[in-house]
Amino acid sequence: VMPGVYKDGDIDLVGFMVGQVNPDLKFNLNSVKNGDLLVGLSSNGLHTNGFSLVRSVFNLNNDSSSLYEIVPRTNRSLGSLLIAPHKNYKNVIYPINSIVKSLSHITGGGIIGNLPRSIPENLGAEIIQNSWETPELFNFIQERGNIKIKEMFNVFNMGIGMIAVIDKKHKETIKKLIPDSRIIGVVTNNSSGEKIKFK
């Protein structure tokens, strides 16, 4: 699965956590409806996905010098941006638990691969692509690798690490509770058969 990481004879030591869901949480996929808002919560980097493509784009398996390059329009090296720890959303989500209908963690597969699991089969989503600013790290990867934008959204989180589905009546509440959140789209009818559309 990850030939750039696992070589013959390697041993993978893995840890995991077990969590308990509070039964008072009201998340309910079936309560999601046409017109609900998609609230994007920012990521702070790649989080845990897309590293195989990054290694390929920058030829990191053979030459690590690119890790010291300063990413354009930032004051940080590629290496320092790539090792940013995955953002913890627990404290961000906690204040809005009572108004969230559904959550989508944007991991491998990007928005295209993860958001559909957070909305009912008969509904789709329209994403407003310019509703948030894509971090320069992703722009740098795309430019250096000459990667099509659809592939970028298929592999990376593109600056959105979590999407919350809420009723539009809670729009102002979300802005107050999570000032750096963005309304990035809306739940739609899925009449065309295309689950996720970008606008």
N, C-alpha and C. Protein backbone atom coordinates (compact mmCIF):
# COMPACT_ATOMS: atom_id res chain seq x y z
N VAL A 1 0.83 -1.20 0.00
CA VAL A 1 0.00 0.00 0.00
C VAL A 1 0.87 1.25 0.00
N MET A 2 1.93 1.25 0.79
CA MET A 2 2.81 2.42 0.87
C MET A 2 4.26 2.00 0.62
N PRO A 3 4.59 1.64 -0.63
CA PRO A 3 5.93 1.13 -0.93
C PRO A 3 7.04 2.15 -0.67
N GLY A 4 6.69 3.43 -0.65
CA GLY A 4 7.70 4.44 -0.35
C GLY A 4 8.07 4.49 1.11
N VAL A 5 7.30 3.83 1.96
CA VAL A 5 7.55 3.83 3.40
C VAL A 5 8.00 2.47 3.89
N TYR A 6 7.25 1.42 3.49
CA TYR A 6 7.51 0.08 4.00
C TYR A 6 8.39 -0.71 3.04
N LYS A 7 9.56 -1.07 3.50
CA LYS A 7 10.49 -1.88 2.71
C LYS A 7 10.50 -3.30 3.27
N ASP A 8 10.99 -4.26 2.49
CA ASP A 8 11.11 -5.64 2.97
C ASP A 8 11.89 -5.68 4.28
N GLY A 9 11.33 -6.38 5.26
CA GLY A 9 12.00 -6.50 6.55
C GLY A 9 11.65 -5.42 7.55
N ASP A 10 10.93 -4.36 7.12
CA ASP A 10 10.54 -3.31 8.05
C ASP A 10 9.47 -3.81 9.02
N ILE A 11 9.44 -3.22 10.20
CA ILE A 11 8.40 -3.52 11.19
C ILE A 11 7.66 -2.23 11.48
N ASP A 12 6.35 -2.30 11.51
CA ASP A 12 5.51 -1.14 11.77
C ASP A 12 4.94 -1.25 13.18
N LEU A 13 5.32 -0.33 14.06
CA LEU A 13 4.80 -0.31 15.42
C LEU A 13 3.68 0.72 15.48
N VAL A 14 2.48 0.26 15.80
CA VAL A 14 1.29 1.13 15.69
C VAL A 14 0.62 1.28 17.05
N GLY A 15 0.17 2.49 17.34
CA GLY A 15 -0.63 2.75 18.54
C GLY A 15 -2.01 3.18 18.14
N PHE A 16 -2.95 3.11 19.07
CA PHE A 16 -4.31 3.55 18.77
C PHE A 16 -4.98 4.04 20.05
N MET A 17 -6.08 4.75 19.86
CA MET A 17 -6.86 5.23 20.99
C MET A 17 -8.28 4.71 20.87
N VAL A 18 -8.93 4.51 21.99
CA VAL A 18 -10.34 4.13 22.01
C VAL A 18 -11.10 5.29 22.64
N GLY A 19 -12.16 5.72 21.97
CA GLY A 19 -12.96 6.82 22.49
C GLY A 19 -14.38 6.37 22.79
N GLN A 20 -15.07 7.17 23.56
CA GLN A 20 -16.47 6.89 23.88
C GLN A 20 -17.31 8.08 23.45
N VAL A 21 -18.37 7.80 22.71
CA VAL A 21 -19.25 8.87 22.23
C VAL A 21 -20.28 9.18 23.31
N ASN A 22 -20.39 10.44 23.63
CA ASN A 22 -21.39 10.87 24.61
C ASN A 22 -22.79 10.63 24.04
N PRO A 23 -23.63 9.86 24.73
CA PRO A 23 -24.97 9.57 24.18
C PRO A 23 -25.87 10.80 24.06
N ASP A 24 -25.47 11.91 24.69
CA ASP A 24 -26.27 13.13 24.58
C ASP A 24 -26.06 13.86 23.26
N LEU A 25 -25.03 13.47 22.51
CA LEU A 25 -24.79 14.12 21.22
C LEU A 25 -25.96 13.82 20.27
N LYS A 26 -26.38 14.82 19.54
CA LYS A 26 -27.57 14.69 18.70
C LYS A 26 -27.25 14.52 17.23
N PHE A 27 -26.00 14.18 16.90
CA PHE A 27 -25.66 14.00 15.49
C PHE A 27 -26.60 12.97 14.88
N ASN A 28 -27.21 13.34 13.77
CA ASN A 28 -28.18 12.45 13.14
C ASN A 28 -28.16 12.67 11.64
N LEU A 29 -27.57 11.74 10.94
CA LEU A 29 -27.46 11.84 9.48
C LEU A 29 -28.82 12.06 8.83
N ASN A 30 -29.86 11.42 9.36
CA ASN A 30 -31.19 11.51 8.76
C ASN A 30 -31.84 12.88 8.95
N SER A 31 -31.27 13.72 9.82
CA SER A 31 -31.83 15.06 10.01
C SER A 31 -31.28 16.06 8.99
N VAL A 32 -30.25 15.65 8.24
CA VAL A 32 -29.67 16.53 7.22
C VAL A 32 -30.66 16.71 6.08
N LYS A 33 -30.83 17.98 5.64
CA LYS A 33 -31.82 18.25 4.60
C LYS A 33 -31.29 19.25 3.58
N ASN A 34 -31.97 19.32 2.47
CA ASN A 34 -31.66 20.28 1.41
C ASN A 34 -31.65 21.69 2.00
N GLY A 35 -30.59 22.46 1.72
CA GLY A 35 -30.49 23.82 2.22
C GLY A 35 -29.63 23.97 3.46
N ASP A 36 -29.29 22.85 4.12
CA ASP A 36 -28.39 22.93 5.27
C ASP A 36 -27.04 23.47 4.82
N LEU A 37 -26.34 24.11 5.74
CA LEU A 37 -25.05 24.72 5.43
C LEU A 37 -23.89 23.79 5.76
N LEU A 38 -22.83 23.91 4.98
CA LEU A 38 -21.59 23.18 5.21
C LEU A 38 -20.57 24.16 5.78
N VAL A 39 -20.14 23.90 7.00
CA VAL A 39 -19.21 24.79 7.69
C VAL A 39 -17.82 24.15 7.67
N GLY A 40 -16.86 24.84 7.08
CA GLY A 40 -15.51 24.32 7.00
C GLY A 40 -14.66 24.80 8.17
N LEU A 41 -13.96 23.87 8.80
CA LEU A 41 -13.02 24.18 9.86
C LEU A 41 -11.61 23.96 9.30
N SER A 42 -10.76 24.94 9.48
CA SER A 42 -9.46 24.93 8.81
C SER A 42 -8.55 23.80 9.29
N SER A 43 -7.71 23.34 8.39
CA SER A 43 -6.65 22.40 8.73
C SER A 43 -5.38 23.21 8.99
N ASN A 44 -4.34 22.54 9.46
CA ASN A 44 -3.06 23.24 9.64
C ASN A 44 -1.95 22.57 8.83
N GLY A 45 -2.35 21.88 7.76
CA GLY A 45 -1.37 21.21 6.92
C GLY A 45 -1.96 19.98 6.28
N LEU A 46 -1.11 19.03 5.95
CA LEU A 46 -1.59 17.80 5.30
C LEU A 46 -2.36 16.91 6.25
N HIS A 47 -2.18 17.14 7.55
CA HIS A 47 -2.72 16.23 8.57
C HIS A 47 -2.12 14.85 8.35
N THR A 48 -2.87 13.86 7.93
CA THR A 48 -2.27 12.52 7.81
C THR A 48 -2.36 11.95 6.40
N ASN A 49 -2.64 12.77 5.41
CA ASN A 49 -2.87 12.22 4.08
C ASN A 49 -2.19 12.99 2.96
N GLY A 50 -1.74 12.25 1.97
CA GLY A 50 -1.15 12.84 0.78
C GLY A 50 0.37 12.78 0.74
N PHE A 51 0.98 12.15 1.73
CA PHE A 51 2.44 12.14 1.80
C PHE A 51 3.09 11.32 0.69
N SER A 52 2.42 10.27 0.24
CA SER A 52 2.99 9.48 -0.86
C SER A 52 3.12 10.33 -2.12
N LEU A 53 2.09 11.14 -2.40
CA LEU A 53 2.14 12.00 -3.57
C LEU A 53 3.20 13.09 -3.40
N VAL A 54 3.31 13.64 -2.20
CA VAL A 54 4.33 14.66 -1.94
C VAL A 54 5.73 14.09 -2.14
N ARG A 55 5.97 12.89 -1.64
CA ARG A 55 7.29 12.27 -1.82
C ARG A 55 7.60 12.08 -3.30
N SER A 56 6.58 11.72 -4.06
CA SER A 56 6.77 11.53 -5.50
C SER A 56 7.05 12.86 -6.20
N VAL A 57 6.25 13.88 -5.90
CA VAL A 57 6.39 15.19 -6.55
C VAL A 57 7.78 15.78 -6.32
N PHE A 58 8.27 15.67 -5.09
CA PHE A 58 9.56 16.29 -4.73
C PHE A 58 10.73 15.29 -4.74
N ASN A 59 10.46 14.05 -5.22
CA ASN A 59 11.49 13.01 -5.31
C ASN A 59 12.22 12.82 -3.97
N LEU A 60 11.46 12.83 -2.90
CA LEU A 60 12.06 12.81 -1.56
C LEU A 60 12.70 11.48 -1.21
N ASN A 61 12.32 10.41 -1.89
CA ASN A 61 12.95 9.12 -1.59
C ASN A 61 14.42 9.10 -2.01
N ASN A 62 14.78 10.00 -2.96
CA ASN A 62 16.15 10.02 -3.47
C ASN A 62 16.92 11.29 -3.11
N ASP A 63 16.17 12.36 -2.79
CA ASP A 63 16.83 13.65 -2.54
C ASP A 63 15.97 14.47 -1.57
N SER A 64 16.49 14.71 -0.39
CA SER A 64 15.70 15.42 0.64
C SER A 64 15.90 16.93 0.61
N SER A 65 16.65 17.46 -0.36
CA SER A 65 16.97 18.89 -0.36
C SER A 65 15.74 19.78 -0.46
N SER A 66 14.68 19.29 -1.12
CA SER A 66 13.46 20.10 -1.27
C SER A 66 12.83 20.42 0.08
N LEU A 67 13.08 19.61 1.08
CA LEU A 67 12.50 19.85 2.41
C LEU A 67 12.97 21.17 3.00
N TYR A 68 14.10 21.68 2.52
CA TYR A 68 14.65 22.93 3.05
C TYR A 68 14.24 24.15 2.24
N GLU A 69 13.53 23.92 1.14
CA GLU A 69 13.04 25.04 0.32
C GLU A 69 11.99 25.83 1.09
N ILE A 70 12.03 27.13 0.96
CA ILE A 70 10.98 27.97 1.55
C ILE A 70 9.79 27.96 0.60
N VAL A 71 8.63 27.61 1.14
CA VAL A 71 7.41 27.59 0.32
C VAL A 71 7.05 29.02 -0.04
N PRO A 72 6.86 29.33 -1.33
CA PRO A 72 6.55 30.71 -1.75
C PRO A 72 5.38 31.31 -0.97
N ARG A 73 5.53 32.59 -0.68
CA ARG A 73 4.52 33.39 0.03
C ARG A 73 4.34 32.93 1.48
N THR A 74 5.32 32.21 1.99
CA THR A 74 5.38 31.87 3.42
C THR A 74 6.81 32.12 3.87
N ASN A 75 7.06 32.02 5.17
CA ASN A 75 8.44 32.12 5.64
C ASN A 75 8.90 30.79 6.23
N ARG A 76 8.27 29.69 5.74
CA ARG A 76 8.56 28.37 6.31
C ARG A 76 9.02 27.40 5.23
N SER A 77 9.83 26.45 5.66
CA SER A 77 10.32 25.44 4.72
C SER A 77 9.24 24.40 4.47
N LEU A 78 9.41 23.72 3.34
CA LEU A 78 8.49 22.63 3.01
C LEU A 78 8.49 21.59 4.12
N GLY A 79 9.66 21.23 4.62
CA GLY A 79 9.76 20.22 5.66
C GLY A 79 9.01 20.60 6.92
N SER A 80 9.15 21.86 7.36
CA SER A 80 8.47 22.28 8.60
C SER A 80 6.95 22.28 8.44
N LEU A 81 6.48 22.60 7.24
CA LEU A 81 5.02 22.59 7.00
C LEU A 81 4.49 21.15 6.93
N LEU A 82 5.30 20.24 6.41
CA LEU A 82 4.85 18.86 6.26
C LEU A 82 4.74 18.14 7.61
N ILE A 83 5.53 18.55 8.60
CA ILE A 83 5.51 17.83 9.88
C ILE A 83 4.60 18.48 10.92
N ALA A 84 3.78 19.46 10.50
CA ALA A 84 2.82 20.05 11.45
C ALA A 84 1.89 18.95 11.96
N PRO A 85 1.72 18.81 13.29
CA PRO A 85 0.85 17.75 13.83
C PRO A 85 -0.60 17.96 13.39
N HIS A 86 -1.32 16.87 13.24
CA HIS A 86 -2.74 16.91 12.89
C HIS A 86 -3.48 17.77 13.92
N LYS A 87 -4.28 18.69 13.45
CA LYS A 87 -5.06 19.57 14.33
C LYS A 87 -6.07 18.75 15.13
N ASN A 88 -6.21 19.08 16.40
CA ASN A 88 -7.20 18.43 17.27
C ASN A 88 -8.47 19.27 17.27
N TYR A 89 -9.58 18.69 16.81
CA TYR A 89 -10.83 19.46 16.68
C TYR A 89 -11.75 19.33 17.89
N LYS A 90 -11.36 18.57 18.89
CA LYS A 90 -12.25 18.32 20.02
C LYS A 90 -12.75 19.62 20.65
N ASN A 91 -11.84 20.51 20.99
CA ASN A 91 -12.24 21.75 21.66
C ASN A 91 -12.95 22.72 20.73
N VAL A 92 -12.69 22.59 19.43
CA VAL A 92 -13.38 23.45 18.45
C VAL A 92 -14.83 23.01 18.29
N ILE A 93 -15.04 21.69 18.23
CA ILE A 93 -16.37 21.13 18.00
C ILE A 93 -17.26 21.21 19.25
N TYR A 94 -16.65 21.09 20.41
CA TYR A 94 -17.43 20.98 21.66
C TYR A 94 -18.51 22.07 21.81
N PRO A 95 -18.19 23.36 21.58
CA PRO A 95 -19.22 24.39 21.79
C PRO A 95 -20.40 24.32 20.82
N ILE A 96 -20.22 23.60 19.68
CA ILE A 96 -21.30 23.56 18.69
C ILE A 96 -21.97 22.19 18.61
N ASN A 97 -21.65 21.30 19.56
CA ASN A 97 -22.21 19.95 19.53
C ASN A 97 -23.73 19.94 19.38
N SER A 98 -24.39 20.87 20.06
CA SER A 98 -25.86 20.83 20.09
C SER A 98 -26.50 21.25 18.78
N ILE A 99 -25.75 21.90 17.89
CA ILE A 99 -26.36 22.37 16.64
C ILE A 99 -25.81 21.64 15.41
N VAL A 100 -24.84 20.76 15.62
CA VAL A 100 -24.26 20.01 14.49
C VAL A 100 -25.14 18.81 14.17
N LYS A 101 -25.50 18.66 12.90
CA LYS A 101 -26.28 17.50 12.46
C LYS A 101 -25.37 16.33 12.08
N SER A 102 -24.24 16.66 11.47
CA SER A 102 -23.35 15.63 10.96
C SER A 102 -21.95 16.23 10.82
N LEU A 103 -20.93 15.39 10.90
CA LEU A 103 -19.54 15.83 10.75
C LEU A 103 -18.82 14.99 9.71
N SER A 104 -17.92 15.62 9.00
CA SER A 104 -17.09 14.91 8.04
C SER A 104 -15.63 15.26 8.29
N HIS A 105 -14.84 14.26 8.66
CA HIS A 105 -13.41 14.44 8.85
C HIS A 105 -12.75 14.29 7.48
N ILE A 106 -12.08 15.34 7.02
CA ILE A 106 -11.52 15.33 5.67
C ILE A 106 -10.12 14.72 5.71
N THR A 107 -10.08 13.41 5.46
CA THR A 107 -8.81 12.68 5.48
C THR A 107 -8.50 12.20 4.06
N GLY A 108 -7.99 10.98 3.92
CA GLY A 108 -7.68 10.45 2.59
C GLY A 108 -8.92 10.42 1.72
N GLY A 109 -8.81 10.96 0.53
CA GLY A 109 -9.97 11.07 -0.36
C GLY A 109 -10.50 12.49 -0.43
N GLY A 110 -9.97 13.36 0.45
CA GLY A 110 -10.36 14.76 0.43
C GLY A 110 -11.85 14.97 0.65
N ILE A 111 -12.33 16.14 0.27
CA ILE A 111 -13.75 16.47 0.41
C ILE A 111 -14.60 15.54 -0.45
N ILE A 112 -14.11 15.24 -1.64
CA ILE A 112 -14.86 14.40 -2.58
C ILE A 112 -15.11 13.01 -2.01
N GLY A 113 -14.13 12.46 -1.32
CA GLY A 113 -14.26 11.10 -0.80
C GLY A 113 -14.89 10.98 0.57
N ASN A 114 -14.88 12.05 1.36
CA ASN A 114 -15.35 11.96 2.74
C ASN A 114 -16.71 12.59 3.00
N LEU A 115 -17.00 13.73 2.39
CA LEU A 115 -18.26 14.42 2.65
C LEU A 115 -19.50 13.58 2.34
N PRO A 116 -19.50 12.77 1.26
CA PRO A 116 -20.70 11.98 0.95
C PRO A 116 -21.17 11.08 2.08
N ARG A 117 -20.24 10.63 2.93
CA ARG A 117 -20.63 9.75 4.04
C ARG A 117 -21.38 10.51 5.14
N SER A 118 -21.37 11.83 5.06
CA SER A 118 -22.00 12.64 6.11
C SER A 118 -23.33 13.25 5.70
N ILE A 119 -23.80 12.88 4.50
CA ILE A 119 -25.10 13.34 4.05
C ILE A 119 -25.88 12.15 3.48
N PRO A 120 -27.21 12.19 3.58
CA PRO A 120 -28.01 11.05 3.11
C PRO A 120 -27.81 10.76 1.62
N GLU A 121 -28.11 9.53 1.25
CA GLU A 121 -27.93 9.07 -0.13
C GLU A 121 -28.64 9.93 -1.16
N ASN A 122 -29.84 10.42 -0.80
CA ASN A 122 -30.65 11.16 -1.78
C ASN A 122 -30.24 12.63 -1.91
N LEU A 123 -29.22 13.06 -1.15
CA LEU A 123 -28.80 14.45 -1.19
C LEU A 123 -27.37 14.56 -1.70
N GLY A 124 -27.02 15.76 -2.12
CA GLY A 124 -25.66 16.04 -2.57
C GLY A 124 -25.14 17.27 -1.87
N ALA A 125 -24.06 17.82 -2.38
CA ALA A 125 -23.48 19.02 -1.79
C ALA A 125 -22.86 19.88 -2.88
N GLU A 126 -22.99 21.18 -2.70
CA GLU A 126 -22.34 22.13 -3.59
C GLU A 126 -21.29 22.87 -2.78
N ILE A 127 -20.05 22.78 -3.21
CA ILE A 127 -18.92 23.41 -2.52
C ILE A 127 -18.54 24.68 -3.25
N ILE A 128 -18.45 25.79 -2.53
CA ILE A 128 -18.03 27.06 -3.12
C ILE A 128 -16.51 27.14 -2.96
N GLN A 129 -15.81 26.87 -4.04
CA GLN A 129 -14.37 26.65 -3.98
C GLN A 129 -13.59 27.86 -3.49
N ASN A 130 -14.06 29.07 -3.78
CA ASN A 130 -13.31 30.26 -3.36
C ASN A 130 -13.80 30.83 -2.02
N SER A 131 -14.53 30.01 -1.25
CA SER A 131 -15.04 30.49 0.04
C SER A 131 -13.98 30.42 1.14
N TRP A 132 -12.86 29.80 0.86
CA TRP A 132 -11.74 29.82 1.79
C TRP A 132 -10.46 29.95 0.98
N GLU A 133 -9.40 30.36 1.66
CA GLU A 133 -8.11 30.55 1.00
C GLU A 133 -7.30 29.27 1.14
N THR A 134 -6.95 28.68 0.02
CA THR A 134 -6.14 27.45 0.05
C THR A 134 -4.75 27.78 0.57
N PRO A 135 -4.28 27.08 1.61
CA PRO A 135 -2.93 27.34 2.12
C PRO A 135 -1.86 27.19 1.05
N GLU A 136 -0.84 28.00 1.16
CA GLU A 136 0.21 28.03 0.13
C GLU A 136 0.93 26.69 -0.03
N LEU A 137 0.96 25.89 1.01
CA LEU A 137 1.58 24.56 0.91
C LEU A 137 0.95 23.75 -0.22
N PHE A 138 -0.38 23.79 -0.30
CA PHE A 138 -1.08 23.01 -1.33
C PHE A 138 -0.85 23.60 -2.72
N ASN A 139 -0.80 24.94 -2.79
CA ASN A 139 -0.51 25.58 -4.07
C ASN A 139 0.87 25.20 -4.57
N PHE A 140 1.83 25.14 -3.64
CA PHE A 140 3.21 24.79 -3.98
C PHE A 140 3.29 23.36 -4.51
N ILE A 141 2.61 22.45 -3.83
CA ILE A 141 2.60 21.04 -4.26
C ILE A 141 1.96 20.92 -5.65
N GLN A 142 0.85 21.62 -5.85
CA GLN A 142 0.14 21.54 -7.14
C GLN A 142 1.00 22.09 -8.27
N GLU A 143 1.63 23.25 -8.04
CA GLU A 143 2.45 23.86 -9.08
C GLU A 143 3.67 23.00 -9.41
N ARG A 144 4.35 22.52 -8.37
CA ARG A 144 5.57 21.74 -8.59
C ARG A 144 5.27 20.41 -9.28
N GLY A 145 4.14 19.81 -8.94
CA GLY A 145 3.80 18.52 -9.52
C GLY A 145 2.91 18.59 -10.74
N ASN A 146 2.50 19.82 -11.12
CA ASN A 146 1.59 20.00 -12.26
C ASN A 146 0.37 19.10 -12.10
N ILE A 147 -0.26 19.18 -10.94
CA ILE A 147 -1.37 18.30 -10.58
C ILE A 147 -2.69 19.02 -10.86
N LYS A 148 -3.63 18.31 -11.46
CA LYS A 148 -4.94 18.90 -11.74
C LYS A 148 -5.68 19.15 -10.44
N ILE A 149 -6.52 20.17 -10.45
CA ILE A 149 -7.21 20.59 -9.22
C ILE A 149 -8.12 19.49 -8.68
N LYS A 150 -8.75 18.72 -9.55
CA LYS A 150 -9.62 17.64 -9.07
C LYS A 150 -8.82 16.60 -8.31
N GLU A 151 -7.64 16.30 -8.81
CA GLU A 151 -6.77 15.34 -8.12
C GLU A 151 -6.32 15.89 -6.76
N MET A 152 -6.07 17.18 -6.70
CA MET A 152 -5.70 17.81 -5.42
C MET A 152 -6.82 17.62 -4.40
N PHE A 153 -8.06 17.84 -4.82
CA PHE A 153 -9.20 17.69 -3.92
C PHE A 153 -9.49 16.23 -3.59
N ASN A 154 -8.99 15.33 -4.42
CA ASN A 154 -9.15 13.89 -4.17
C ASN A 154 -8.13 13.36 -3.17
N VAL A 155 -6.99 14.04 -3.07
CA VAL A 155 -5.90 13.54 -2.24
C VAL A 155 -5.76 14.33 -0.93
N PHE A 156 -5.86 15.65 -1.01
CA PHE A 156 -5.55 16.52 0.13
C PHE A 156 -6.80 17.16 0.73
N ASN A 157 -6.65 17.67 1.96
CA ASN A 157 -7.78 18.38 2.58
C ASN A 157 -7.90 19.81 2.05
N MET A 158 -6.86 20.32 1.42
CA MET A 158 -6.87 21.64 0.77
C MET A 158 -7.21 22.79 1.72
N GLY A 159 -6.93 22.59 3.00
CA GLY A 159 -7.15 23.66 3.98
C GLY A 159 -8.39 23.50 4.82
N ILE A 160 -9.20 22.48 4.52
CA ILE A 160 -10.42 22.20 5.30
C ILE A 160 -10.28 20.82 5.93
N GLY A 161 -10.10 20.78 7.25
CA GLY A 161 -9.87 19.51 7.93
C GLY A 161 -11.12 18.84 8.46
N MET A 162 -12.18 19.61 8.59
CA MET A 162 -13.45 19.08 9.12
C MET A 162 -14.58 19.90 8.53
N ILE A 163 -15.70 19.23 8.23
CA ILE A 163 -16.90 19.93 7.76
C ILE A 163 -18.06 19.57 8.66
N ALA A 164 -18.73 20.58 9.18
CA ALA A 164 -19.91 20.39 10.01
C ALA A 164 -21.15 20.76 9.20
N VAL A 165 -22.19 19.96 9.31
CA VAL A 165 -23.46 20.24 8.63
C VAL A 165 -24.41 20.82 9.68
N ILE A 166 -24.93 22.02 9.39
CA ILE A 166 -25.82 22.69 10.34
C ILE A 166 -27.03 23.27 9.61
N ASP A 167 -28.11 23.51 10.36
CA ASP A 167 -29.26 24.22 9.81
C ASP A 167 -28.86 25.68 9.56
N LYS A 168 -29.37 26.27 8.48
CA LYS A 168 -28.98 27.64 8.13
C LYS A 168 -29.36 28.66 9.20
N LYS A 169 -30.32 28.31 10.07
CA LYS A 169 -30.71 29.26 11.13
C LYS A 169 -29.59 29.46 12.16
N HIS A 170 -28.60 28.57 12.15
CA HIS A 170 -27.50 28.67 13.12
C HIS A 170 -26.26 29.34 12.53
N LYS A 171 -26.41 29.96 11.38
CA LYS A 171 -25.26 30.56 10.69
C LYS A 171 -24.52 31.58 11.56
N GLU A 172 -25.25 32.48 12.19
CA GLU A 172 -24.61 33.51 13.01
C GLU A 172 -24.01 32.93 14.28
N THR A 173 -24.66 31.90 14.83
CA THR A 173 -24.14 31.24 16.03
C THR A 173 -22.78 30.63 15.76
N ILE A 174 -22.65 29.96 14.62
CA ILE A 174 -21.37 29.35 14.26
C ILE A 174 -20.29 30.42 14.15
N LYS A 175 -20.61 31.54 13.53
CA LYS A 175 -19.63 32.61 13.36
C LYS A 175 -19.12 33.12 14.70
N LYS A 176 -20.04 33.20 15.68
CA LYS A 176 -19.65 33.68 17.01
C LYS A 176 -18.81 32.65 17.75
N LEU A 177 -19.21 31.38 17.67
CA LEU A 177 -18.53 30.34 18.43
C LEU A 177 -17.22 29.90 17.80
N ILE A 178 -17.15 29.92 16.46
CA ILE A 178 -15.91 29.55 15.76
C ILE A 178 -15.60 30.64 14.73
N PRO A 179 -14.98 31.74 15.18
CA PRO A 179 -14.78 32.90 14.30
C PRO A 179 -14.02 32.59 13.01
N ASP A 180 -13.09 31.61 13.03
CA ASP A 180 -12.32 31.34 11.81
C ASP A 180 -12.95 30.25 10.94
N SER A 181 -14.18 29.85 11.26
CA SER A 181 -14.88 28.89 10.40
C SER A 181 -15.38 29.60 9.14
N ARG A 182 -15.71 28.81 8.13
CA ARG A 182 -16.19 29.36 6.85
C ARG A 182 -17.41 28.58 6.39
N ILE A 183 -18.41 29.28 5.87
CA ILE A 183 -19.50 28.59 5.18
C ILE A 183 -18.96 28.27 3.79
N ILE A 184 -18.76 26.97 3.54
CA ILE A 184 -18.08 26.59 2.29
C ILE A 184 -19.03 25.94 1.27
N GLY A 185 -20.30 25.82 1.64
CA GLY A 185 -21.22 25.21 0.69
C GLY A 185 -22.57 24.93 1.31
N VAL A 186 -23.36 24.16 0.57
CA VAL A 186 -24.73 23.89 0.98
C VAL A 186 -25.11 22.48 0.55
N VAL A 187 -26.00 21.87 1.33
CA VAL A 187 -26.55 20.57 0.98
C VAL A 187 -27.61 20.78 -0.10
N THR A 188 -27.61 19.94 -1.12
CA THR A 188 -28.52 20.10 -2.26
C THR A 188 -29.25 18.79 -2.55
N ASN A 189 -30.27 18.88 -3.40
CA ASN A 189 -30.87 17.67 -3.93
C ASN A 189 -29.87 17.00 -4.86
N ASN A 190 -29.90 15.70 -4.93
CA ASN A 190 -28.92 14.96 -5.74
C ASN A 190 -29.59 14.42 -7.00
N SER A 191 -30.25 15.30 -7.72
CA SER A 191 -31.02 14.88 -8.89
C SER A 191 -30.13 14.48 -10.06
N SER A 192 -28.92 15.04 -10.14
CA SER A 192 -28.04 14.78 -11.29
C SER A 192 -27.24 13.49 -11.10
N GLY A 193 -27.22 12.98 -9.89
CA GLY A 193 -26.41 11.79 -9.61
C GLY A 193 -24.98 12.12 -9.22
N GLU A 194 -24.59 13.38 -9.35
CA GLU A 194 -23.24 13.82 -8.96
C GLU A 194 -23.31 14.28 -7.51
N LYS A 195 -22.66 13.53 -6.63
CA LYS A 195 -22.79 13.77 -5.19
C LYS A 195 -22.20 15.10 -4.75
N ILE A 196 -21.00 15.41 -5.20
CA ILE A 196 -20.31 16.63 -4.80
C ILE A 196 -20.02 17.48 -6.03
N LYS A 197 -20.48 18.72 -6.02
CA LYS A 197 -20.21 19.65 -7.12
C LYS A 197 -19.40 20.82 -6.58
N PHE A 198 -18.48 21.30 -7.39
CA PHE A 198 -17.70 22.49 -7.02
C PHE A 198 -18.17 23.66 -7.87
N LYS A 199 -18.32 24.78 -7.22
CA LYS A 199 -18.86 25.97 -7.90
C LYS A 199 -17.80 27.06 -7.90
